[in-house]
Amino acid sequence: MKALINEIKEKAIEHAMTVAEDQASIMKGGVVEWIKSDEFETQLAEMMDKAINIPFVKDEKEEKHFRALADIIQNLIAGFVGQIKIK
């Protein structure tokens, strides 16, 4: 009887781990998708623009620079998140 209980317990744990890994994989995909979105890039650029003022540079030019920088950061973050191993 004890062996049967242990076998059931091991199968339950194995199933729970499989379900958790599947959910984590789905979440990871969603996170990468959001990071690559225009909304994330815009929010990142706006945050940098509010936090940093480049002297002698007009706001319109600053915005272009921050957008370009946000695109680079966005790609780096998406790459790092994509590298995360689930298991």
Protein backbone atom coordinates (compact mmCIF):
# COMPACT_ATOMS: atom_id res chain seq x y z
CA MET A 1 0.00 0.00 0.00
CA LYS A 2 2.85 2.38 0.88
CA ALA A 3 4.49 1.69 -2.49
CA LEU A 4 1.24 2.52 -4.31
CA ILE A 5 0.88 5.79 -2.39
CA ASN A 6 4.48 6.74 -3.23
CA GLU A 7 3.92 5.92 -6.91
CA ILE A 8 0.77 8.07 -7.01
CA LYS A 9 2.61 10.87 -5.21
CA GLU A 10 5.51 10.73 -7.69
CA LYS A 11 3.14 10.80 -10.68
CA ALA A 12 1.26 13.75 -9.19
CA ILE A 13 4.51 15.66 -8.66
CA GLU A 14 5.65 14.84 -12.19
CA HIS A 15 2.33 16.03 -13.63
CA ALA A 16 2.41 19.23 -11.55
CA MET A 17 5.95 19.97 -12.76
CA THR A 18 4.95 19.44 -16.38
CA VAL A 19 1.95 21.75 -16.02
CA ALA A 20 4.09 24.39 -14.26
CA GLU A 21 6.76 24.25 -16.99
CA ASP A 22 4.11 24.60 -19.69
CA GLN A 23 2.60 27.62 -17.93
CA ALA A 24 6.03 29.19 -17.44
CA SER A 25 6.80 28.73 -21.12
CA ILE A 26 3.53 30.40 -22.10
CA MET A 27 4.19 33.30 -19.70
CA LYS A 28 7.73 33.72 -21.01
CA GLY A 29 6.38 33.98 -24.55
CA GLY A 30 3.87 36.59 -23.45
CA VAL A 31 6.52 38.60 -21.65
CA VAL A 32 8.83 38.60 -24.69
CA GLU A 33 5.92 39.58 -26.91
CA TRP A 34 5.04 42.52 -24.63
CA ILE A 35 8.68 43.61 -24.38
CA LYS A 36 8.85 43.72 -28.19
CA SER A 37 5.66 45.79 -28.41
CA ASP A 38 5.50 49.42 -29.50
CA GLU A 39 3.73 50.22 -26.21
CA PHE A 40 6.74 49.04 -24.17
CA GLU A 41 9.16 50.96 -26.40
CA THR A 42 7.08 54.12 -26.06
CA GLN A 43 6.85 53.79 -22.27
CA LEU A 44 10.60 53.19 -22.00
CA ALA A 45 11.43 56.19 -24.20
CA GLU A 46 9.05 58.42 -22.23
CA MET A 47 10.56 57.32 -18.93
CA MET A 48 14.06 58.15 -20.18
CA ASP A 49 12.88 61.47 -21.60
CA LYS A 50 11.34 62.46 -18.26
CA ALA A 51 14.41 61.37 -16.28
CA ILE A 52 17.12 62.83 -18.53
CA ASN A 53 17.51 66.28 -20.04
CA ILE A 54 20.27 66.63 -22.62
CA PRO A 55 21.53 70.23 -22.54
CA PHE A 56 21.34 72.22 -25.79
CA VAL A 57 19.24 69.54 -27.50
CA LYS A 58 15.65 70.28 -28.48
CA ASP A 59 12.92 68.05 -27.06
CA GLU A 60 12.05 66.74 -30.54
CA LYS A 61 15.62 65.55 -31.09
CA GLU A 62 15.80 64.13 -27.58
CA GLU A 63 12.70 62.10 -28.31
CA LYS A 64 14.29 60.59 -31.43
CA HIS A 65 17.44 59.67 -29.49
CA PHE A 66 15.47 58.15 -26.63
CA ARG A 67 13.33 56.16 -29.08
CA ALA A 68 16.46 54.76 -30.71
CA LEU A 69 17.95 53.94 -27.32
CA ALA A 70 14.67 52.38 -26.16
CA ASP A 71 14.70 50.16 -29.26
CA ILE A 72 18.19 48.91 -28.42
CA ILE A 73 17.30 48.32 -24.76
CA GLN A 74 14.07 46.62 -25.81
CA ASN A 75 15.97 44.17 -28.02
CA LEU A 76 18.51 43.46 -25.27
CA ILE A 77 15.83 42.76 -22.67
CA ALA A 78 13.87 40.54 -25.08
CA GLY A 79 17.08 38.64 -25.82
CA PHE A 80 17.88 38.16 -22.15
CA VAL A 81 14.36 37.00 -21.32
CA GLY A 82 14.43 34.68 -24.33
CA GLN A 83 17.61 33.08 -22.96
CA ILE A 84 16.00 32.10 -19.65
CA LYS A 85 15.83 28.34 -19.34
CA ILE A 86 12.62 26.97 -17.94
CA LYS A 87 13.12 23.83 -15.87
